[in-house]
Protein backbone atom coordinates (compact mmCIF):
# COMPACT_ATOMS: atom_id res chain seq x y z
CA MET A 1 123.32 40.80 -240.96
CA ARG A 2 120.29 38.77 -242.06
CA PHE A 3 119.00 36.45 -239.34
CA SER A 4 118.43 32.75 -240.00
CA ALA A 5 116.16 30.26 -238.19
CA PRO A 6 117.07 26.63 -238.99
CA GLY A 7 114.05 24.32 -238.97
CA PHE A 8 111.63 27.23 -239.14
CA PRO A 9 109.85 28.42 -242.34
CA ALA A 10 111.81 31.66 -242.36
CA GLU A 11 111.35 32.43 -246.05
CA ALA A 12 107.58 31.99 -245.81
CA VAL A 13 107.52 34.38 -242.83
CA ARG A 14 109.62 36.92 -244.73
CA ASP A 15 107.23 36.63 -247.69
CA ARG A 16 104.30 37.43 -245.42
CA ALA A 17 106.18 40.35 -243.88
CA ARG A 18 106.61 41.79 -247.38
CA ARG A 19 103.27 40.93 -249.01
CA GLY A 20 100.85 40.91 -246.06
CA LEU A 21 97.54 39.11 -246.64
CA ALA A 22 98.36 38.48 -250.32
CA ALA A 23 100.83 35.87 -249.05
CA ALA A 24 97.90 33.77 -247.82
CA PHE A 25 97.58 32.59 -251.44
CA PRO A 26 100.04 31.14 -253.97
CA GLN A 27 102.10 33.59 -256.01
CA LEU A 28 99.83 35.67 -258.26
CA ASP A 29 102.05 35.18 -261.27
CA GLY A 30 100.82 31.56 -261.41
CA TYR A 31 97.16 32.52 -261.70
CA GLY A 32 95.55 31.58 -265.00
CA HIS A 33 98.06 28.97 -266.13
CA THR A 34 98.82 26.87 -263.01
CA LEU A 35 96.46 24.12 -261.80
CA PHE A 36 96.58 24.52 -258.03
CA GLY A 37 95.86 21.59 -255.70
CA ALA A 38 97.17 20.01 -252.50
CA GLY A 39 100.87 20.71 -252.17
CA ALA A 40 100.84 23.71 -254.53
CA ALA A 41 101.25 26.18 -251.70
CA ARG A 42 104.44 24.42 -250.56
CA LEU A 43 103.77 25.29 -246.92
CA PRO A 44 105.55 23.18 -244.28
CA VAL A 45 103.08 20.60 -242.86
CA ALA A 46 103.00 17.78 -240.29
CA ALA A 47 106.03 19.09 -238.39
CA ASP A 48 104.42 18.08 -235.08
CA SER A 49 101.14 16.82 -233.62
CA VAL A 50 99.42 20.20 -234.05
CA ASP A 51 100.43 20.52 -237.69
CA ALA A 52 99.25 16.92 -238.29
CA LEU A 53 95.67 17.90 -237.35
CA ARG A 54 93.23 19.04 -240.01
CA LEU A 55 90.55 21.66 -239.57
CA VAL A 56 87.22 20.11 -240.58
CA PRO A 57 84.33 22.48 -241.43
CA PRO A 58 80.84 21.01 -241.02
CA VAL A 59 78.34 20.98 -243.89
CA LEU A 60 75.41 22.12 -241.75
CA MET A 61 76.07 25.36 -239.84
CA PRO A 62 73.33 26.54 -237.47
CA ASP A 63 75.60 29.29 -236.14
CA ARG A 64 75.74 30.78 -239.66
CA LEU A 65 71.96 31.00 -239.70
CA ALA A 66 72.00 32.70 -236.30
CA LYS A 67 74.57 35.22 -237.57
CA LEU A 68 72.49 35.80 -240.73
CA ILE A 69 69.47 36.63 -238.58
CA ASP A 70 71.59 38.93 -236.42
CA LEU A 71 73.06 40.81 -239.39
CA GLY A 72 70.07 40.71 -241.73
CA ARG A 73 72.29 39.28 -244.48
CA GLU A 74 74.49 36.27 -245.02
CA PRO A 75 77.73 36.69 -243.05
CA THR A 76 81.17 36.82 -244.67
CA PRO A 77 84.67 36.26 -243.23
CA ASP A 78 84.85 40.01 -242.56
CA ASP A 79 82.18 39.47 -239.88
CA VAL A 80 84.47 37.26 -237.79
CA ARG A 81 85.41 39.05 -234.58
CA LEU A 82 89.05 38.50 -233.63
CA GLU A 83 89.38 41.00 -230.80
CA SER A 84 90.44 39.09 -227.69
CA TRP A 85 91.26 39.53 -224.02
CA ILE A 86 94.64 37.95 -223.35
CA GLY A 87 95.45 37.56 -219.68
CA GLY A 88 93.61 40.80 -218.88
CA LEU A 89 95.05 42.68 -221.88
CA ARG A 90 92.92 43.70 -224.86
CA SER A 91 94.26 42.76 -228.28
CA PRO A 92 92.86 43.26 -231.80
CA LEU A 93 93.48 39.57 -232.53
CA PRO A 94 94.28 36.44 -230.50
CA VAL A 95 98.04 36.92 -230.83
CA TYR A 96 100.81 38.30 -228.64
CA VAL A 97 104.57 38.64 -229.09
CA SER A 98 106.45 36.07 -227.02
CA ALA A 99 109.34 36.77 -224.68
CA PHE A 100 112.69 37.91 -226.02
CA GLY A 101 115.29 38.04 -223.30
CA SER A 102 118.86 39.26 -223.17
CA THR A 103 120.14 37.22 -226.12
CA ARG A 104 122.23 39.06 -228.68
CA ALA A 105 119.65 38.60 -231.48
CA ALA A 106 116.71 39.91 -229.49
CA SER A 107 118.35 42.69 -227.51
CA GLY A 108 119.88 44.62 -230.41
CA ALA A 109 118.83 48.23 -230.63
CA ASP A 110 117.51 47.79 -234.18
CA LEU A 111 115.60 44.49 -234.07
CA GLY A 112 114.49 44.42 -230.42
CA LEU A 113 113.14 47.95 -230.52
CA ALA A 114 111.64 47.47 -234.01
CA VAL A 115 109.51 44.57 -232.77
CA THR A 116 108.56 46.48 -229.61
CA ARG A 117 107.57 49.59 -231.57
CA GLN A 118 105.53 47.67 -234.14
CA ALA A 119 103.72 45.60 -231.49
CA GLY A 120 102.82 48.87 -229.80
CA GLN A 121 101.53 50.44 -233.01
CA LEU A 122 99.36 47.37 -233.61
CA GLY A 123 98.08 47.24 -230.03
CA VAL A 124 99.34 43.68 -229.61
CA PRO A 125 100.69 42.66 -226.16
CA ILE A 126 104.41 41.93 -225.96
CA VAL A 127 106.42 39.98 -223.38
CA VAL A 128 109.88 41.22 -222.38
CA GLY A 129 111.97 38.20 -221.45
CA GLU A 130 114.27 37.39 -218.60
CA SER A 131 117.74 38.71 -217.72
CA VAL A 132 117.44 42.00 -219.65
CA VAL A 133 118.09 44.05 -216.51
CA PRO A 134 120.83 41.90 -214.88
CA VAL A 135 122.74 41.83 -218.19
CA HIS A 136 122.04 45.22 -219.78
CA GLY A 137 120.90 47.32 -216.82
CA PHE A 138 117.51 48.98 -216.46
CA ARG A 139 118.21 52.20 -218.38
CA GLN A 140 121.77 52.11 -219.65
CA ALA A 141 121.62 50.04 -222.87
CA ALA A 142 120.07 51.20 -226.17
CA ALA A 143 117.43 48.44 -225.97
CA SER A 144 117.10 48.49 -222.17
CA LEU A 145 113.88 47.49 -220.45
CA SER A 146 113.03 51.12 -219.66
CA GLU A 147 113.61 52.07 -223.31
CA ARG A 148 111.34 49.24 -224.49
CA LEU A 149 108.60 50.45 -222.14
CA ARG A 150 108.89 53.99 -223.51
CA GLU A 151 108.88 52.86 -227.15
CA TYR A 152 105.85 50.63 -226.66
CA THR A 153 103.85 53.17 -224.66
CA ALA A 154 104.53 55.97 -227.16
CA ALA A 155 103.33 53.84 -230.08
CA ALA A 156 100.35 51.96 -228.60
CA PRO A 157 96.70 53.00 -228.93
CA PRO A 158 95.26 53.88 -225.50
CA GLU A 159 92.94 50.90 -224.97
CA PHE A 160 94.83 48.05 -226.59
CA GLY A 161 97.89 45.97 -225.90
CA GLY A 162 100.18 45.91 -222.91
CA VAL A 163 103.67 44.97 -221.80
CA VAL A 164 104.35 41.78 -219.86
CA VAL A 165 107.66 41.80 -217.95
CA GLN A 166 109.10 38.38 -217.24
CA GLN A 167 111.15 37.64 -214.15
CA SER A 168 113.50 34.74 -213.43
CA THR A 169 115.49 34.02 -210.27
CA GLN A 170 118.30 36.39 -211.32
CA ASP A 171 115.75 39.07 -212.27
CA ALA A 172 114.24 38.74 -208.80
CA ASP A 173 117.68 39.34 -207.27
CA ALA A 174 117.88 42.52 -209.37
CA GLU A 175 114.34 43.51 -208.23
CA VAL A 176 113.18 43.92 -211.81
CA TRP A 177 109.48 44.08 -211.02
CA ASN A 178 110.08 46.77 -208.37
CA LEU A 179 112.10 48.80 -210.89
CA VAL A 180 109.36 48.52 -213.52
CA HIS A 181 106.55 49.21 -211.07
CA SER A 182 108.13 52.52 -209.99
CA ASP A 183 109.48 53.58 -213.40
CA PRO A 184 107.75 56.66 -214.94
CA ALA A 185 107.86 54.94 -218.34
CA ALA A 186 105.56 52.21 -217.01
CA GLN A 187 103.01 54.47 -215.34
CA PRO A 188 100.74 54.92 -218.40
CA LEU A 189 100.57 51.14 -218.70
CA LEU A 190 99.97 50.68 -214.98
CA ASP A 191 97.28 53.37 -214.84
CA SER A 192 95.42 51.86 -217.80
CA GLY A 193 95.65 48.23 -216.60
CA ARG A 194 98.05 47.26 -219.39
CA LEU A 195 101.05 46.18 -217.33
CA ALA A 196 101.58 42.49 -216.52
CA PHE A 197 104.31 40.51 -214.80
CA GLU A 198 105.15 36.97 -215.89
CA LEU A 199 106.64 34.40 -213.54
CA LYS A 200 108.87 32.25 -215.70
CA VAL A 201 108.85 28.66 -214.48
CA GLY A 202 110.14 27.11 -217.69
CA GLN A 203 110.55 27.45 -221.43
CA GLY A 204 110.08 25.22 -224.44
CA ALA A 205 113.63 25.32 -225.77
CA LYS A 206 115.09 23.73 -222.65
CA PRO A 207 112.42 22.22 -220.36
CA GLY A 208 113.59 21.88 -216.76
CA LEU A 209 116.51 24.29 -217.20
CA GLY A 210 116.93 28.02 -216.75
CA GLY A 211 117.84 30.51 -219.46
CA MET A 212 121.13 30.29 -221.36
CA THR A 213 123.10 32.71 -223.49
CA VAL A 214 126.66 32.94 -224.72
CA VAL A 215 128.81 35.86 -223.58
CA ASP A 216 132.41 36.94 -224.03
CA ARG A 217 134.89 36.54 -221.21
CA GLU A 218 134.77 40.17 -220.14
CA GLU A 219 130.99 40.02 -219.73
CA ALA A 220 131.25 36.61 -218.06
CA ALA A 221 133.56 38.10 -215.44
CA ARG A 222 131.13 40.98 -214.87
CA LEU A 223 128.15 38.62 -214.42
CA ALA A 224 129.88 35.81 -212.55
CA ASP A 225 128.31 36.72 -209.19
CA ARG A 226 124.79 36.40 -210.64
CA TYR A 227 124.95 33.42 -213.04
CA SER A 228 126.77 30.12 -213.29
CA MET A 229 129.31 30.07 -216.12
CA VAL A 230 130.54 27.16 -218.27
CA ASP A 231 133.73 27.58 -220.24
CA LEU A 232 133.36 26.61 -223.92
CA PRO A 233 136.65 24.99 -224.98
CA GLY A 234 138.18 26.20 -228.23
CA SER A 235 136.49 29.59 -228.16
CA ASP A 236 136.64 32.93 -226.39
CA LEU A 237 133.04 32.51 -225.28
CA VAL A 238 131.41 31.37 -222.06
CA LEU A 239 127.98 29.79 -221.52
CA ARG A 240 125.92 31.85 -219.06
CA CYS A 241 123.25 29.82 -217.22
CA SER A 242 120.28 30.94 -215.12
CA SER A 243 118.65 28.75 -212.49
CA ALA A 244 115.08 27.49 -212.92
CA GLY A 245 113.77 28.74 -209.56
CA THR A 246 110.19 27.48 -209.09
CA PHE A 247 109.76 23.72 -208.76
CA THR A 248 107.05 22.73 -206.24
CA GLU A 249 103.34 23.42 -206.01
CA GLU A 250 103.78 25.41 -202.82
CA ILE A 251 106.55 27.61 -204.22
CA LEU A 252 104.43 28.27 -207.31
CA ARG A 253 101.36 29.08 -205.21
CA GLN A 254 103.32 31.44 -202.92
CA GLN A 255 105.01 33.20 -205.83
CA ILE A 256 101.66 34.00 -207.43
CA ARG A 257 100.20 35.18 -204.14
CA PHE A 258 103.26 37.38 -203.68
CA MET A 259 102.66 38.93 -207.10
CA ARG A 260 98.98 39.54 -206.41
CA ASN A 261 99.62 41.06 -202.99
CA ASN A 262 102.59 43.26 -203.91
CA TYR A 263 101.38 44.45 -207.31
CA PRO A 264 97.56 44.50 -207.13
CA ARG A 265 97.16 46.64 -210.28
CA VAL A 266 99.39 44.38 -212.39
CA ARG A 267 98.15 41.36 -214.36
CA VAL A 268 99.74 38.04 -213.38
CA TRP A 269 101.02 35.64 -216.03
CA VAL A 270 102.83 32.34 -215.45
CA LYS A 271 104.90 30.52 -218.08
CA PHE A 272 105.54 26.76 -218.09
CA HIS A 273 107.68 24.46 -220.17
CA PRO A 274 105.93 21.48 -221.85
CA GLY A 275 106.28 19.17 -218.84
CA ARG A 276 104.38 15.93 -218.32
CA ASP A 277 102.41 17.43 -215.40
CA VAL A 278 101.65 20.72 -217.17
CA GLY A 279 97.89 20.21 -216.62
CA ARG A 280 98.32 20.07 -212.85
CA ALA A 281 100.73 23.03 -212.85
CA ALA A 282 98.18 25.10 -214.77
CA GLU A 283 95.45 24.18 -212.27
CA VAL A 284 97.64 25.36 -209.37
CA ALA A 285 98.49 28.63 -211.12
CA TRP A 286 94.90 29.50 -211.94
CA ALA A 287 93.68 28.54 -208.46
CA ALA A 288 96.33 30.82 -206.92
CA GLY A 289 95.11 33.76 -209.01
CA ALA A 290 97.05 33.81 -212.30
CA ASP A 291 95.35 35.83 -215.05
CA ALA A 292 97.01 33.72 -217.72
CA VAL A 293 99.03 30.54 -218.04
CA THR A 294 101.43 30.31 -220.96
CA VAL A 295 102.73 26.97 -222.21
CA ASP A 296 105.79 27.10 -224.42
CA GLY A 297 105.92 24.19 -226.87
CA PRO A 298 109.08 22.07 -227.20
CA GLY A 299 111.82 23.71 -229.19
CA ALA A 300 110.22 27.14 -228.90
CA GLY A 301 112.62 29.97 -228.31
CA THR A 302 114.86 32.53 -229.89
CA GLY A 303 117.91 32.08 -227.73
CA TRP A 304 120.54 29.51 -227.00
CA ALA A 305 119.76 25.91 -226.00
CA PRO A 306 121.39 22.46 -226.03
CA SER A 307 120.71 20.67 -229.33
CA ALA A 308 119.41 17.55 -227.55
CA PHE A 309 116.73 19.60 -225.81
CA LEU A 310 115.53 21.33 -228.97
CA ASP A 311 114.46 18.12 -230.69
CA GLN A 312 113.95 15.48 -228.01
CA VAL A 313 112.83 16.95 -224.67
CA GLY A 314 109.32 18.06 -223.68
CA LEU A 315 105.77 17.04 -224.54
CA PRO A 316 104.55 17.97 -228.02
CA LEU A 317 102.40 21.09 -227.92
CA GLY A 318 99.31 19.16 -229.04
CA GLU A 319 99.69 16.74 -226.12
CA CYS A 320 100.09 19.70 -223.70
CA LEU A 321 96.78 21.07 -224.96
CA ARG A 322 95.10 17.71 -224.39
CA ARG A 323 96.37 17.54 -220.80
CA ILE A 324 95.13 21.02 -219.84
CA ASP A 325 91.50 21.85 -219.17
CA PRO A 326 91.35 25.67 -219.04
CA GLY A 327 87.58 25.94 -218.64
CA ASP A 328 86.97 29.70 -218.55
CA ALA A 329 90.59 30.47 -217.61
CA CYS A 330 93.07 32.01 -220.03
CA LEU A 331 95.52 29.56 -221.63
CA LEU A 332 98.18 30.91 -223.99
CA VAL A 333 100.50 28.80 -226.12
CA SER A 334 103.59 29.44 -228.19
CA GLY A 335 105.94 27.39 -230.31
CA GLY A 336 106.22 27.26 -234.08
CA VAL A 337 103.32 29.63 -234.75
CA TRP A 338 103.75 31.74 -237.89
CA GLU A 339 100.48 31.47 -239.83
CA GLY A 340 96.73 31.26 -239.25
CA VAL A 341 96.16 27.51 -239.55
CA ARG A 342 98.37 26.50 -236.63
CA ALA A 343 96.93 29.38 -234.61
CA ALA A 344 93.35 28.25 -235.34
CA LYS A 345 94.14 24.66 -234.33
CA CYS A 346 95.58 25.86 -231.01
CA LEU A 347 92.48 28.00 -230.40
CA ALA A 348 90.25 25.00 -231.18
CA LEU A 349 92.16 22.92 -228.60
CA GLY A 350 91.58 25.42 -225.80
CA ALA A 351 94.10 28.25 -226.15
CA ARG A 352 92.84 31.83 -225.86
CA ALA A 353 95.74 33.22 -227.94
CA VAL A 354 99.06 32.24 -229.51
CA GLY A 355 102.51 33.77 -229.16
CA LEU A 356 104.88 34.71 -231.98
CA GLY A 357 108.60 34.40 -231.25
CA ARG A 358 110.90 33.64 -234.15
CA ALA A 359 108.21 34.73 -236.63
CA ALA A 360 108.01 38.23 -235.10
CA LEU A 361 111.78 38.71 -235.17
CA LEU A 362 112.10 37.46 -238.75
CA ALA A 363 109.26 39.69 -239.92
CA ALA A 364 110.86 42.78 -238.35
CA ASP A 365 114.23 41.73 -239.71
CA GLU A 366 112.75 41.55 -243.23
CA VAL A 367 110.83 44.85 -243.13
CA PRO A 368 112.05 46.91 -240.15
CA HIS A 369 109.20 49.43 -240.16
CA ARG A 370 106.18 47.20 -240.84
CA GLY A 371 107.19 43.55 -241.20
CA LEU A 372 105.26 42.49 -238.10
CA ALA A 373 102.21 44.36 -239.41
CA GLY A 374 102.42 42.48 -242.71
CA LEU A 375 102.73 39.13 -240.94
CA LEU A 376 99.80 39.88 -238.62
CA ASP A 377 97.66 41.13 -241.54
CA CYS A 378 98.13 37.74 -243.15
CA ILE A 379 97.45 35.78 -239.94
CA ALA A 380 94.29 37.81 -239.24
CA PHE A 381 93.06 37.30 -242.81
CA GLU A 382 93.64 33.53 -242.58
CA LEU A 383 91.95 33.32 -239.18
CA ARG A 384 88.85 35.08 -240.52
CA LEU A 385 88.67 32.69 -243.47
CA LEU A 386 89.20 29.61 -241.29
CA ILE A 387 86.81 30.56 -238.48
CA SER A 388 84.14 31.58 -240.99
CA ALA A 389 84.59 28.26 -242.81
CA MET A 390 83.68 26.50 -239.54
CA GLY A 391 80.43 28.46 -239.48
CA ARG A 392 81.61 30.47 -236.48
CA TYR A 393 82.18 34.20 -236.01
CA GLU A 394 84.17 34.59 -232.78
CA ALA A 395 87.78 33.53 -232.21
CA THR A 396 86.67 31.94 -228.95
CA ALA A 397 83.95 29.88 -230.67
CA LEU A 398 86.34 27.27 -232.09
CA GLY A 399 86.34 23.94 -230.27
CA PRO A 400 87.71 20.37 -230.37
CA ALA A 401 85.02 19.31 -232.87
CA ASP A 402 86.65 21.63 -235.43
CA VAL A 403 89.82 19.55 -235.67
CA TRP A 404 90.41 15.98 -236.86
CA GLU A 405 93.34 13.86 -235.84
CA PRO A 406 94.33 10.97 -238.08
CA GLY A 407 93.20 7.74 -236.41
CA ARG A 408 90.61 9.43 -234.18
CA PRO A 409 86.92 9.90 -235.02
CA THR A 410 85.50 13.46 -235.05
CA SER A 411 82.13 14.15 -233.50
């Protein structure tokens, strides 16, 4: 079965999975007899406030002169350094794979493990989402959490990447972090500082709510003591709902301290939905000791969510970025990222890295053995071109002056 993603540029992602960096340009068969200009690439634009921004290279570039002196020649896009530290994990580029939980699409043995294996081969961090253990068990299922840890560890280069294990209220009841922390499959990651735990406070697809999936009645009966269930009239399916769990400053602060005290060798990540007070929540998390704060943009997600929430609930991702001042702390964002331009804009607005959700699944669905590699080749190529065009040569060197918002002056 071929996966679809309504409202998402799925065909463009699949093209990048197949063609890699060549997909950063229009189709080659048009070269020589097509007059390319704005609109020729037919890429989706202005879908939200981040897409509405334009990257604006300066004319005068003192940083380019400094790089020329450093290299002894004029720099090229190949000289842009993309290697990044993401919440304590080293990555070859400022990208990680966002959380896939227990949903049917993400937990299949073929697709879920294909993404895990490819992320490992590339040395890119990956987040394992909530409810995998309560629903599928720790070792029993083909794409169980323990199996994902083994696949990632076997494929990953020794100094790059890492696995981030998310925990919700129901995961806490199942003691997921304790299971992972003591599992032999996780020891190589733990010993090399490449294991992280993520406290899930919210998600972009349904801000203010817990996770949701649809299950059949047999599974609903099996899980009824752990989740609330809502009967879906006219079908044989039941809506399975998690609770949100963390909802005051003090609870958030204590949860992070608990993570730091009980798992001192594990990196601590915290994930928020795009709430109106997301700036304050991020401040609390960093002050309590979080290595990274992730903000999931509205509508982001690969699972099941109420339609009203997908399009009309939560701050736009661009507004979230304006309300957060990360300083030297690590801010990660996800939501609608599938190519280098949106990623570069997020980096310019303060993010350290961006997460791929639907794009990663679609790429692996298109080319099971290397679709994610093709997509990331294209994103890395675009980032090098874009960052170099700004006269900069580090992913972290982008800043607010590199973007222009219609109606606002640029310094």
